[in-house]
Protein backbone atom coordinates (compact mmCIF):
# COMPACT_ATOMS: atom_id res chain seq x y z
CA MET A 1 -50.41 4.94 -3.68
CA ILE A 2 -51.00 7.88 -6.02
CA GLU A 3 -53.79 10.23 -5.06
CA PRO A 4 -55.05 12.21 -8.05
CA ARG A 5 -56.30 15.67 -7.24
CA HIS A 6 -57.98 18.16 -9.46
CA GLY A 7 -58.97 21.03 -7.24
CA ALA A 8 -59.31 24.74 -7.61
CA GLY A 9 -56.38 27.07 -7.44
CA ALA A 10 -56.48 30.82 -7.22
CA GLY A 11 -56.29 32.53 -10.59
CA ASP A 12 -56.62 31.32 -14.14
CA ALA A 13 -53.39 29.34 -14.33
CA PRO A 14 -52.34 28.09 -10.91
CA LEU A 15 -48.93 26.61 -10.31
CA ARG A 16 -49.34 22.86 -10.81
CA CYS A 17 -47.74 20.97 -7.92
CA PHE A 18 -47.09 17.29 -7.20
CA LEU A 19 -46.42 16.36 -3.57
CA VAL A 20 -44.29 13.41 -2.41
CA GLU A 21 -44.97 12.99 1.33
CA ASP A 22 -45.60 9.79 3.30
CA ASN A 23 -47.34 11.29 6.32
CA ALA A 24 -51.06 11.53 5.50
CA VAL A 25 -51.77 14.32 8.02
CA ILE A 26 -48.88 16.46 6.79
CA ARG A 27 -49.82 15.72 3.18
CA GLN A 28 -53.46 16.76 3.61
CA ASN A 29 -52.58 19.88 5.65
CA LEU A 30 -49.98 20.94 3.09
CA ILE A 31 -52.40 20.43 0.20
CA ALA A 32 -55.05 22.49 1.97
CA THR A 33 -52.57 25.26 2.80
CA LEU A 34 -51.11 25.45 -0.71
CA GLU A 35 -54.51 25.47 -2.43
CA GLU A 36 -56.28 27.81 -0.01
CA MET A 37 -53.53 30.38 0.54
CA LEU A 38 -51.65 30.38 -2.77
CA ALA A 39 -52.28 30.16 -6.50
CA VAL A 40 -51.27 26.49 -6.39
CA GLU A 41 -53.18 23.42 -7.56
CA VAL A 42 -51.94 20.13 -6.11
CA ILE A 43 -52.59 17.81 -9.05
CA GLY A 44 -51.50 14.66 -7.24
CA SER A 45 -49.46 13.11 -4.49
CA ALA A 46 -47.49 9.99 -3.69
CA GLU A 47 -46.37 8.51 -0.40
CA ASP A 48 -43.38 6.59 -1.74
CA GLU A 49 -40.71 6.64 -4.43
CA PRO A 50 -42.25 3.95 -6.70
CA ALA A 51 -45.60 5.79 -6.88
CA ALA A 52 -43.88 9.11 -7.57
CA VAL A 53 -41.82 7.56 -10.38
CA GLN A 54 -44.93 5.88 -11.78
CA TRP A 55 -46.68 9.26 -11.89
CA MET A 56 -43.68 10.90 -13.60
CA ARG A 57 -43.70 8.19 -16.26
CA THR A 58 -47.43 8.59 -17.00
CA PRO A 59 -47.92 10.26 -20.39
CA GLY A 60 -49.53 13.68 -20.10
CA GLU A 61 -48.79 14.08 -16.40
CA GLU A 62 -46.63 17.09 -15.69
CA CYS A 63 -46.27 19.70 -13.03
CA ASP A 64 -44.49 22.99 -12.50
CA LEU A 65 -43.29 22.16 -9.00
CA MET A 66 -42.59 18.95 -7.10
CA ILE A 67 -42.31 19.10 -3.31
CA VAL A 68 -40.42 16.07 -1.99
CA ASP A 69 -39.83 14.66 1.49
CA ILE A 70 -36.60 12.70 2.06
CA PHE A 71 -37.93 9.78 4.12
CA LEU A 72 -40.82 7.95 2.46
CA LYS A 73 -42.81 4.73 3.04
CA SER A 74 -40.53 3.02 0.52
CA GLY A 75 -37.62 4.40 -1.41
CA THR A 76 -36.34 7.90 -0.67
CA GLY A 77 -36.77 11.47 -1.73
CA LEU A 78 -33.23 11.31 -3.10
CA GLY A 79 -34.38 8.61 -5.50
CA VAL A 80 -37.34 10.78 -6.48
CA LEU A 81 -35.01 13.73 -7.14
CA ALA A 82 -32.74 11.60 -9.33
CA ARG A 83 -35.64 10.28 -11.41
CA ALA A 84 -37.30 13.70 -11.63
CA ARG A 85 -34.17 15.22 -13.18
CA GLU A 86 -34.33 12.47 -15.82
CA LEU A 87 -38.09 12.25 -16.40
CA CYS A 88 -39.25 15.83 -15.70
CA PRO A 89 -36.29 18.13 -16.45
CA ALA A 90 -38.42 21.29 -16.57
CA THR A 91 -40.05 20.69 -13.17
CA ARG A 92 -38.83 22.77 -10.25
CA LEU A 93 -37.85 20.59 -7.32
CA VAL A 94 -38.14 21.54 -3.66
CA VAL A 95 -37.31 19.37 -0.66
CA LEU A 96 -39.38 19.74 2.52
CA SER A 97 -37.99 17.47 5.24
CA ASN A 98 -37.40 17.12 8.96
CA TYR A 99 -33.91 15.97 7.99
CA ALA A 100 -32.57 19.20 6.43
CA THR A 101 -29.04 18.88 7.79
CA PRO A 102 -26.24 20.82 6.07
CA ASP A 103 -24.99 17.61 4.40
CA MET A 104 -28.50 16.62 3.24
CA ARG A 105 -29.10 20.14 1.90
CA ARG A 106 -25.88 19.89 -0.15
CA ARG A 107 -26.85 16.45 -1.47
CA CYS A 108 -30.35 17.59 -2.47
CA LEU A 109 -29.06 20.73 -4.19
CA ALA A 110 -26.45 18.65 -6.04
CA MET A 111 -29.26 16.34 -7.23
CA GLY A 112 -31.26 19.20 -8.72
CA ALA A 113 -33.38 20.58 -5.89
CA GLU A 114 -33.69 24.35 -6.14
CA ARG A 115 -34.33 24.78 -2.44
CA VAL A 116 -34.36 22.66 0.73
CA PHE A 117 -36.66 23.58 3.62
CA ASP A 118 -36.88 22.19 7.15
CA LYS A 119 -40.49 21.16 7.94
CA SER A 120 -40.28 22.24 11.54
CA ALA A 121 -38.52 25.59 11.10
CA GLU A 122 -38.88 26.80 7.50
CA LEU A 123 -42.47 26.11 6.44
CA GLU A 124 -43.25 29.82 6.06
CA GLU A 125 -40.18 30.27 3.85
CA MET A 126 -41.31 27.33 1.69
CA LEU A 127 -44.77 28.87 1.33
CA ASP A 128 -43.22 32.23 0.43
CA TYR A 129 -41.09 30.50 -2.21
CA CYS A 130 -44.18 28.75 -3.66
CA ALA A 131 -46.10 32.04 -3.68
CA GLU A 132 -43.27 33.69 -5.58
CA LEU A 133 -43.25 30.88 -8.16
CA ALA A 134 -47.03 31.04 -8.51
CA GLU A 135 -46.90 34.77 -9.27
CA HIS A 136 -44.63 34.27 -12.30
């Protein structure tokens, strides 16, 4: 399911973000954190690979940053990364997962992710990275 969002971001031109996360609580908390603490506007979200790909294929839909979890309700974040490189080549890709093993980090980076963050240990680093992107 795609959840469209058109909320306020800080500043005139917030960083436009699309979130691919299957856990509703994590998704809502992350949206609130990004929009309240940073100059980020979460323009939509998906809980599985098919919905994320559908959004990427929708004419006129684009974002500056896509935050992707690896394990989704259906499909995988790796599939989302592969399709994002094809459908949204200018979008910055970040992986936020509980499964940020060294091998998974290498795979995600090889598939076009700029950074890979562990949900349980590197959330602050991910927020710092998003803040840095939003400032430019």
